[in-house]
Amino acid sequence: MSDFEVVHAEKARYGVSDLCRTLGVSRSGYYAWSSRPASRRERDDERLQTKIRAIHERSRGNYGSPRVHAELRAQGERTSRKRVARLMRENGICGLQKRRGVRRHR
C-alpha cells in the first residue's frame, strides 16, 4: 500500500495535511495522485482479476496459477504466468493442494 493510499484510507479520521506531514509526502502530490486516472496496467490488472476469479470459481477453487494461466491462454489472453500468480496472491486466491493418500499397514 502506497503512502497516498494510506492518506486516502485515513482522511475521514485525520486531516489530509496531518497525514501527509506524518508520512513525509506532499499534499499537492496526494491530490495529483487522487485525481489521476488509473494507468493502463492497472485497468488490465482489474480486467484480468475478473477473469481469474471466474476461472477459479468454475474450477471450484481447485486451480492454482499454472492452470489458471493455461485457461487464460486458451481463451486467447496473452499474459505471463508470474503476473497471474501475483494477481492471485494479491487477491487471496489460491488453488487446493493435492493430498497424499494415507497408507495403512495391516
N, C-alpha and C. Protein backbone atom coordinates (compact mmCIF):
# COMPACT_ATOMS: atom_id res chain seq x y z
N MET A 1 0.85 -1.17 0.00
CA MET A 1 0.00 0.00 0.00
C MET A 1 0.90 1.24 0.00
N SER A 2 0.65 2.14 -0.92
CA SER A 2 1.47 3.35 -1.01
C SER A 2 1.06 4.36 0.05
N ASP A 3 1.91 5.34 0.27
CA ASP A 3 1.61 6.39 1.25
C ASP A 3 0.32 7.13 0.88
N PHE A 4 0.12 7.36 -0.42
CA PHE A 4 -1.09 8.06 -0.85
C PHE A 4 -2.34 7.23 -0.58
N GLU A 5 -2.25 5.91 -0.70
CA GLU A 5 -3.39 5.06 -0.39
C GLU A 5 -3.72 5.10 1.09
N VAL A 6 -2.68 5.21 1.93
CA VAL A 6 -2.90 5.33 3.38
C VAL A 6 -3.61 6.64 3.68
N VAL A 7 -3.17 7.73 3.05
CA VAL A 7 -3.81 9.03 3.25
C VAL A 7 -5.27 8.93 2.83
N HIS A 8 -5.53 8.33 1.68
CA HIS A 8 -6.90 8.21 1.18
C HIS A 8 -7.78 7.39 2.13
N ALA A 9 -7.22 6.32 2.70
CA ALA A 9 -8.00 5.47 3.60
C ALA A 9 -8.29 6.14 4.94
N GLU A 10 -7.37 6.97 5.40
CA GLU A 10 -7.49 7.56 6.75
C GLU A 10 -7.98 9.00 6.76
N LYS A 11 -8.26 9.58 5.60
CA LYS A 11 -8.60 11.01 5.57
C LYS A 11 -9.93 11.33 6.25
N ALA A 12 -10.78 10.33 6.47
CA ALA A 12 -12.04 10.57 7.18
C ALA A 12 -11.77 10.80 8.67
N ARG A 13 -10.72 10.17 9.20
CA ARG A 13 -10.41 10.29 10.63
C ARG A 13 -9.46 11.44 10.93
N TYR A 14 -8.51 11.68 10.05
CA TYR A 14 -7.49 12.70 10.27
C TYR A 14 -7.46 13.65 9.09
N GLY A 15 -6.89 14.80 9.27
CA GLY A 15 -6.77 15.76 8.18
C GLY A 15 -5.73 15.31 7.16
N VAL A 16 -5.96 15.67 5.91
CA VAL A 16 -5.03 15.30 4.84
C VAL A 16 -3.66 15.93 5.11
N SER A 17 -3.64 17.18 5.57
CA SER A 17 -2.37 17.86 5.84
C SER A 17 -1.56 17.11 6.90
N ASP A 18 -2.24 16.71 7.98
CA ASP A 18 -1.55 15.99 9.05
C ASP A 18 -1.01 14.65 8.57
N LEU A 19 -1.81 13.92 7.81
CA LEU A 19 -1.39 12.62 7.30
C LEU A 19 -0.19 12.76 6.37
N CYS A 20 -0.26 13.74 5.47
CA CYS A 20 0.84 13.94 4.53
C CYS A 20 2.12 14.32 5.25
N ARG A 21 2.00 15.18 6.25
CA ARG A 21 3.19 15.59 7.02
C ARG A 21 3.78 14.39 7.76
N THR A 22 2.93 13.57 8.37
CA THR A 22 3.39 12.39 9.11
C THR A 22 4.09 11.39 8.19
N LEU A 23 3.53 11.18 7.00
CA LEU A 23 4.09 10.19 6.07
C LEU A 23 5.22 10.76 5.20
N GLY A 24 5.42 12.07 5.27
CA GLY A 24 6.51 12.69 4.51
C GLY A 24 6.22 12.81 3.03
N VAL A 25 4.96 13.02 2.68
CA VAL A 25 4.61 13.24 1.28
C VAL A 25 3.95 14.61 1.16
N SER A 26 3.97 15.16 -0.05
CA SER A 26 3.39 16.49 -0.23
C SER A 26 1.88 16.39 -0.43
N ARG A 27 1.20 17.44 0.04
CA ARG A 27 -0.25 17.49 -0.13
C ARG A 27 -0.62 17.58 -1.60
N SER A 28 0.15 18.38 -2.34
CA SER A 28 -0.14 18.52 -3.77
C SER A 28 0.08 17.19 -4.50
N GLY A 29 1.06 16.42 -4.04
CA GLY A 29 1.31 15.10 -4.63
C GLY A 29 0.14 14.17 -4.39
N TYR A 30 -0.43 14.23 -3.17
CA TYR A 30 -1.59 13.39 -2.87
C TYR A 30 -2.77 13.77 -3.75
N TYR A 31 -3.06 15.06 -3.87
CA TYR A 31 -4.20 15.48 -4.68
C TYR A 31 -3.99 15.18 -6.16
N ALA A 32 -2.75 15.28 -6.64
CA ALA A 32 -2.45 14.91 -8.03
C ALA A 32 -2.68 13.42 -8.22
N TRP A 33 -2.25 12.61 -7.24
CA TRP A 33 -2.45 11.16 -7.30
C TRP A 33 -3.94 10.81 -7.31
N SER A 34 -4.72 11.49 -6.45
CA SER A 34 -6.14 11.15 -6.32
C SER A 34 -6.95 11.52 -7.56
N SER A 35 -6.51 12.52 -8.32
CA SER A 35 -7.27 12.93 -9.50
C SER A 35 -6.76 12.27 -10.77
N ARG A 36 -5.66 11.56 -10.68
CA ARG A 36 -5.07 10.90 -11.84
C ARG A 36 -5.88 9.66 -12.20
N PRO A 37 -6.16 9.45 -13.49
CA PRO A 37 -6.88 8.23 -13.87
C PRO A 37 -6.00 7.01 -13.72
N ALA A 38 -6.62 5.84 -13.63
CA ALA A 38 -5.88 4.59 -13.48
C ALA A 38 -5.03 4.35 -14.73
N SER A 39 -3.85 3.80 -14.53
CA SER A 39 -2.97 3.51 -15.66
C SER A 39 -3.50 2.33 -16.46
N ARG A 40 -2.96 2.16 -17.65
CA ARG A 40 -3.39 1.04 -18.49
C ARG A 40 -3.10 -0.29 -17.81
N ARG A 41 -1.96 -0.39 -17.15
CA ARG A 41 -1.60 -1.62 -16.44
C ARG A 41 -2.61 -1.92 -15.34
N GLU A 42 -3.01 -0.91 -14.58
CA GLU A 42 -3.99 -1.10 -13.51
C GLU A 42 -5.34 -1.56 -14.08
N ARG A 43 -5.75 -0.95 -15.19
CA ARG A 43 -7.02 -1.34 -15.82
C ARG A 43 -6.94 -2.77 -16.33
N ASP A 44 -5.81 -3.13 -16.94
CA ASP A 44 -5.62 -4.51 -17.42
C ASP A 44 -5.62 -5.49 -16.26
N ASP A 45 -4.97 -5.11 -15.15
CA ASP A 45 -4.94 -5.98 -13.97
C ASP A 45 -6.35 -6.23 -13.44
N GLU A 46 -7.18 -5.19 -13.40
CA GLU A 46 -8.56 -5.34 -12.92
C GLU A 46 -9.35 -6.27 -13.83
N ARG A 47 -9.17 -6.11 -15.15
CA ARG A 47 -9.86 -6.96 -16.10
C ARG A 47 -9.41 -8.41 -15.94
N LEU A 48 -8.10 -8.62 -15.77
CA LEU A 48 -7.56 -9.97 -15.58
C LEU A 48 -8.05 -10.58 -14.27
N GLN A 49 -8.13 -9.77 -13.22
CA GLN A 49 -8.60 -10.27 -11.92
C GLN A 49 -10.02 -10.82 -12.04
N THR A 50 -10.86 -10.15 -12.81
CA THR A 50 -12.22 -10.63 -13.01
C THR A 50 -12.22 -11.98 -13.70
N LYS A 51 -11.40 -12.12 -14.74
CA LYS A 51 -11.31 -13.39 -15.46
C LYS A 51 -10.72 -14.49 -14.58
N ILE A 52 -9.71 -14.14 -13.79
CA ILE A 52 -9.06 -15.11 -12.90
C ILE A 52 -10.06 -15.63 -11.88
N ARG A 53 -10.85 -14.72 -11.28
CA ARG A 53 -11.85 -15.14 -10.30
C ARG A 53 -12.88 -16.09 -10.93
N ALA A 54 -13.30 -15.77 -12.16
CA ALA A 54 -14.29 -16.60 -12.84
C ALA A 54 -13.73 -17.99 -13.10
N ILE A 55 -12.50 -18.07 -13.58
CA ILE A 55 -11.87 -19.37 -13.86
C ILE A 55 -11.70 -20.16 -12.56
N HIS A 56 -11.27 -19.48 -11.51
CA HIS A 56 -11.04 -20.13 -10.23
C HIS A 56 -12.36 -20.68 -9.66
N GLU A 57 -13.43 -19.90 -9.78
CA GLU A 57 -14.74 -20.36 -9.28
C GLU A 57 -15.27 -21.51 -10.11
N ARG A 58 -15.07 -21.47 -11.44
CA ARG A 58 -15.51 -22.57 -12.30
C ARG A 58 -14.80 -23.87 -11.95
N SER A 59 -13.55 -23.76 -11.47
CA SER A 59 -12.81 -24.97 -11.10
C SER A 59 -13.12 -25.40 -9.67
N ARG A 60 -14.10 -24.74 -9.06
CA ARG A 60 -14.49 -24.99 -7.65
C ARG A 60 -13.31 -24.78 -6.70
N GLY A 61 -12.45 -23.81 -7.03
CA GLY A 61 -11.34 -23.47 -6.16
C GLY A 61 -10.14 -24.38 -6.27
N ASN A 62 -10.12 -25.26 -7.27
CA ASN A 62 -9.02 -26.21 -7.40
C ASN A 62 -7.80 -25.62 -8.09
N TYR A 63 -8.01 -24.80 -9.11
CA TYR A 63 -6.91 -24.35 -9.96
C TYR A 63 -6.00 -23.35 -9.25
N GLY A 64 -4.71 -23.57 -9.42
CA GLY A 64 -3.69 -22.61 -8.99
C GLY A 64 -3.27 -21.78 -10.19
N SER A 65 -2.21 -21.01 -10.03
CA SER A 65 -1.81 -20.09 -11.09
C SER A 65 -1.41 -20.78 -12.40
N PRO A 66 -0.72 -21.95 -12.39
CA PRO A 66 -0.39 -22.56 -13.68
C PRO A 66 -1.62 -22.94 -14.51
N ARG A 67 -2.62 -23.52 -13.85
CA ARG A 67 -3.82 -23.93 -14.59
C ARG A 67 -4.67 -22.73 -14.98
N VAL A 68 -4.75 -21.73 -14.11
CA VAL A 68 -5.49 -20.51 -14.46
C VAL A 68 -4.83 -19.84 -15.66
N HIS A 69 -3.49 -19.80 -15.65
CA HIS A 69 -2.76 -19.22 -16.77
C HIS A 69 -3.04 -19.99 -18.05
N ALA A 70 -3.07 -21.32 -17.97
CA ALA A 70 -3.37 -22.14 -19.15
C ALA A 70 -4.77 -21.85 -19.68
N GLU A 71 -5.73 -21.67 -18.78
CA GLU A 71 -7.10 -21.34 -19.18
C GLU A 71 -7.14 -19.98 -19.88
N LEU A 72 -6.44 -19.01 -19.32
CA LEU A 72 -6.40 -17.68 -19.93
C LEU A 72 -5.80 -17.75 -21.32
N ARG A 73 -4.72 -18.53 -21.48
CA ARG A 73 -4.09 -18.69 -22.79
C ARG A 73 -5.07 -19.34 -23.76
N ALA A 74 -5.83 -20.32 -23.30
CA ALA A 74 -6.81 -20.99 -24.15
C ALA A 74 -7.91 -20.02 -24.60
N GLN A 75 -8.19 -19.01 -23.77
CA GLN A 75 -9.19 -18.00 -24.12
C GLN A 75 -8.61 -16.91 -25.01
N GLY A 76 -7.31 -17.01 -25.30
CA GLY A 76 -6.67 -16.02 -26.17
C GLY A 76 -6.07 -14.85 -25.43
N GLU A 77 -5.99 -14.93 -24.12
CA GLU A 77 -5.43 -13.86 -23.30
C GLU A 77 -3.91 -14.03 -23.22
N ARG A 78 -3.19 -12.99 -23.58
CA ARG A 78 -1.73 -13.05 -23.55
C ARG A 78 -1.23 -12.38 -22.27
N THR A 79 -0.71 -13.18 -21.37
CA THR A 79 -0.15 -12.67 -20.13
C THR A 79 0.84 -13.70 -19.59
N SER A 80 1.65 -13.28 -18.64
CA SER A 80 2.66 -14.20 -18.10
C SER A 80 2.11 -14.97 -16.90
N ARG A 81 2.71 -16.12 -16.65
CA ARG A 81 2.31 -16.94 -15.50
C ARG A 81 2.60 -16.19 -14.20
N LYS A 82 3.71 -15.46 -14.17
CA LYS A 82 4.07 -14.74 -12.94
C LYS A 82 3.08 -13.61 -12.64
N ARG A 83 2.56 -12.98 -13.67
CA ARG A 83 1.57 -11.93 -13.46
C ARG A 83 0.28 -12.53 -12.90
N VAL A 84 -0.11 -13.67 -13.43
CA VAL A 84 -1.30 -14.36 -12.93
C VAL A 84 -1.08 -14.75 -11.46
N ALA A 85 0.12 -15.26 -11.16
CA ALA A 85 0.42 -15.66 -9.78
C ALA A 85 0.38 -14.44 -8.85
N ARG A 86 0.92 -13.31 -9.29
CA ARG A 86 0.92 -12.09 -8.47
C ARG A 86 -0.51 -11.62 -8.21
N LEU A 87 -1.33 -11.59 -9.26
CA LEU A 87 -2.71 -11.13 -9.09
C LEU A 87 -3.50 -12.06 -8.17
N MET A 88 -3.25 -13.37 -8.30
CA MET A 88 -3.94 -14.31 -7.42
C MET A 88 -3.48 -14.12 -5.98
N ARG A 89 -2.20 -13.93 -5.78
CA ARG A 89 -1.65 -13.75 -4.42
C ARG A 89 -2.20 -12.47 -3.80
N GLU A 90 -2.23 -11.37 -4.57
CA GLU A 90 -2.72 -10.09 -4.04
C GLU A 90 -4.20 -10.15 -3.67
N ASN A 91 -4.95 -11.03 -4.31
CA ASN A 91 -6.39 -11.14 -4.05
C ASN A 91 -6.75 -12.31 -3.17
N GLY A 92 -5.75 -13.01 -2.64
CA GLY A 92 -6.00 -14.12 -1.73
C GLY A 92 -6.61 -15.34 -2.39
N ILE A 93 -6.34 -15.51 -3.68
CA ILE A 93 -6.86 -16.66 -4.42
C ILE A 93 -5.76 -17.70 -4.51
N CYS A 94 -6.06 -18.92 -4.07
CA CYS A 94 -5.06 -19.98 -4.19
C CYS A 94 -5.78 -21.29 -4.48
N GLY A 95 -5.07 -22.17 -5.16
CA GLY A 95 -5.62 -23.47 -5.51
C GLY A 95 -5.48 -24.44 -4.36
N LEU A 96 -6.18 -25.55 -4.48
CA LEU A 96 -6.07 -26.59 -3.46
C LEU A 96 -4.84 -27.43 -3.72
N GLN A 97 -4.18 -27.83 -2.64
CA GLN A 97 -3.02 -28.68 -2.79
C GLN A 97 -3.47 -30.13 -2.80
N LYS A 98 -2.80 -30.89 -3.62
CA LYS A 98 -3.14 -32.30 -3.76
C LYS A 98 -2.79 -33.03 -2.46
N ARG A 99 -3.74 -33.82 -1.99
CA ARG A 99 -3.49 -34.58 -0.76
C ARG A 99 -2.85 -35.90 -1.11
N ARG A 100 -1.98 -36.32 -0.28
CA ARG A 100 -1.36 -37.61 -0.47
C ARG A 100 -2.23 -38.66 0.21
N GLY A 101 -2.27 -39.82 -0.38
CA GLY A 101 -3.05 -40.90 0.20
C GLY A 101 -2.43 -41.38 1.51
N VAL A 102 -3.24 -41.82 2.40
CA VAL A 102 -2.78 -42.30 3.70
C VAL A 102 -2.52 -43.80 3.57
N ARG A 103 -1.34 -44.21 3.92
CA ARG A 103 -1.01 -45.63 3.86
C ARG A 103 -1.34 -46.27 5.21
N ARG A 104 -2.03 -47.37 5.12
CA ARG A 104 -2.37 -48.07 6.35
C ARG A 104 -1.74 -49.45 6.32
N HIS A 105 -1.07 -49.79 7.37
CA HIS A 105 -0.44 -51.12 7.44
C HIS A 105 -1.44 -52.09 8.06
N ARG A 106 -1.49 -53.27 7.51
CA ARG A 106 -2.41 -54.26 8.04
C ARG A 106 -1.67 -55.32 8.79
